[in-house]
Protein backbone atom coordinates (compact mmCIF):
# COMPACT_ATOMS: atom_id res chain seq x y z
CA MET A 1 0.00 0.00 0.00
CA THR A 2 1.33 3.45 -0.91
CA THR A 3 0.67 6.62 0.99
CA SER A 4 -0.08 9.88 -0.72
CA ARG A 5 2.41 12.66 -0.36
CA LYS A 6 1.19 15.98 0.90
CA ILE A 7 0.36 18.59 -1.73
CA PRO A 8 2.38 21.81 -1.34
CA THR A 9 0.23 24.52 0.24
CA ASP A 10 0.95 26.94 -2.63
CA TRP A 11 -1.64 25.04 -4.67
CA ILE A 12 -4.52 25.73 -2.28
CA LYS A 13 -3.50 28.65 -0.08
CA ASN A 14 -5.86 31.21 -1.66
CA LEU A 15 -8.90 28.99 -2.06
CA ASP A 16 -11.91 30.19 -0.09
CA SER A 17 -13.30 27.08 1.56
CA ASP A 18 -12.26 23.66 2.78
CA LYS A 19 -14.53 22.16 0.11
CA ALA A 20 -12.77 24.13 -2.63
CA LYS A 21 -9.41 22.97 -1.28
CA GLU A 22 -10.53 19.33 -1.18
CA ASP A 23 -11.96 19.54 -4.71
CA PHE A 24 -8.78 21.11 -6.07
CA GLU A 25 -6.57 18.56 -4.31
CA SER A 26 -8.64 15.79 -5.88
CA LEU A 27 -8.28 17.44 -9.30
CA LEU A 28 -4.50 17.61 -8.87
CA ARG A 29 -4.21 14.00 -7.79
CA ASN A 30 -6.29 12.94 -10.80
CA SER A 31 -3.99 14.94 -13.10
CA SER A 32 -0.84 13.04 -12.22
CA ARG A 33 -0.06 12.02 -15.81
CA THR A 34 -0.16 15.63 -17.00
CA LEU A 35 1.81 16.87 -14.01
CA ARG A 36 4.46 14.16 -14.49
CA ARG A 37 4.88 15.33 -18.08
CA LEU A 38 5.21 18.92 -16.86
CA LYS A 39 7.98 17.83 -14.50
CA ASP A 40 9.72 15.95 -17.31
CA LEU A 41 9.57 19.04 -19.53
CA CYS A 42 11.03 21.19 -16.75
CA ASP A 43 13.85 18.65 -16.38
CA GLU A 44 14.54 18.85 -20.12
CA TYR A 45 14.52 22.66 -20.16
CA GLU A 46 16.76 22.86 -17.11
CA SER A 47 19.16 20.37 -18.67
CA SER A 48 19.36 22.42 -21.88
CA ILE A 49 20.23 25.50 -19.81
CA ASP A 50 22.94 23.52 -18.00
CA ASN A 51 24.39 22.39 -21.34
CA GLY A 52 24.45 25.97 -22.61
CA GLN A 53 26.31 27.16 -19.52
CA LEU A 54 29.16 24.76 -20.25
CA SER A 55 30.11 26.54 -23.45
CA VAL A 56 33.36 28.53 -23.30
CA LYS A 57 31.97 30.82 -26.01
CA LEU A 58 29.52 32.17 -23.44
CA PHE A 59 32.36 34.09 -21.79
CA GLU A 60 33.33 35.77 -25.06
CA GLU A 61 30.17 37.84 -24.91
CA TYR A 62 30.50 41.22 -23.23
CA ASN A 63 27.23 40.72 -21.34
CA TRP A 64 27.88 37.15 -20.20
CA ALA A 65 27.13 38.03 -16.56
CA LEU A 66 23.64 39.24 -17.46
CA ARG A 67 23.03 36.14 -19.53
CA GLN A 68 24.25 33.96 -16.65
CA ALA A 69 21.91 35.72 -14.24
CA TYR A 70 19.02 35.23 -16.68
CA MET A 71 19.75 31.51 -17.04
CA ASN A 72 20.03 31.12 -13.26
CA GLY A 73 16.60 32.74 -12.92
CA GLN A 74 15.15 30.34 -15.47
CA LYS A 75 16.60 27.36 -13.64
CA GLN A 76 15.18 28.60 -10.36
CA ALA A 77 11.72 28.94 -11.92
CA TYR A 78 11.85 25.39 -13.35
CA ARG A 79 12.91 24.06 -9.95
CA LYS A 80 10.00 25.85 -8.28
CA VAL A 81 7.55 24.26 -10.69
CA LYS A 82 9.11 20.85 -10.05
CA ASP A 83 8.79 21.45 -6.30
CA LEU A 84 5.06 22.02 -6.80
CA VAL A 85 4.63 18.54 -8.27
CA THR A 86 6.76 16.59 -5.79
CA PHE A 87 3.62 14.99 -4.37
CA ILE A 88 3.24 12.87 -7.48
CA GLU A 89 4.57 9.37 -7.03
CA ARG A 90 6.43 7.66 -9.82
């Protein structure tokens, strides 16, 4: 028997009632296939950013620091999305 992981509170924190929270949690749990695919896509996008950061040519650009900061921000956003779907079991 498997136990369900807790859904991060960000998903339901602004919902008005306990019923709305329960309904939305049920919707999320029934969307596991879609949410798994979302996580996989975030993994792919994050990996492509990592691969781009390994290029020595990146440092030849005069604004490489701004580009690096931008890519770090993208990675952080993908990680946040992945954190939101950690309740899904593989």
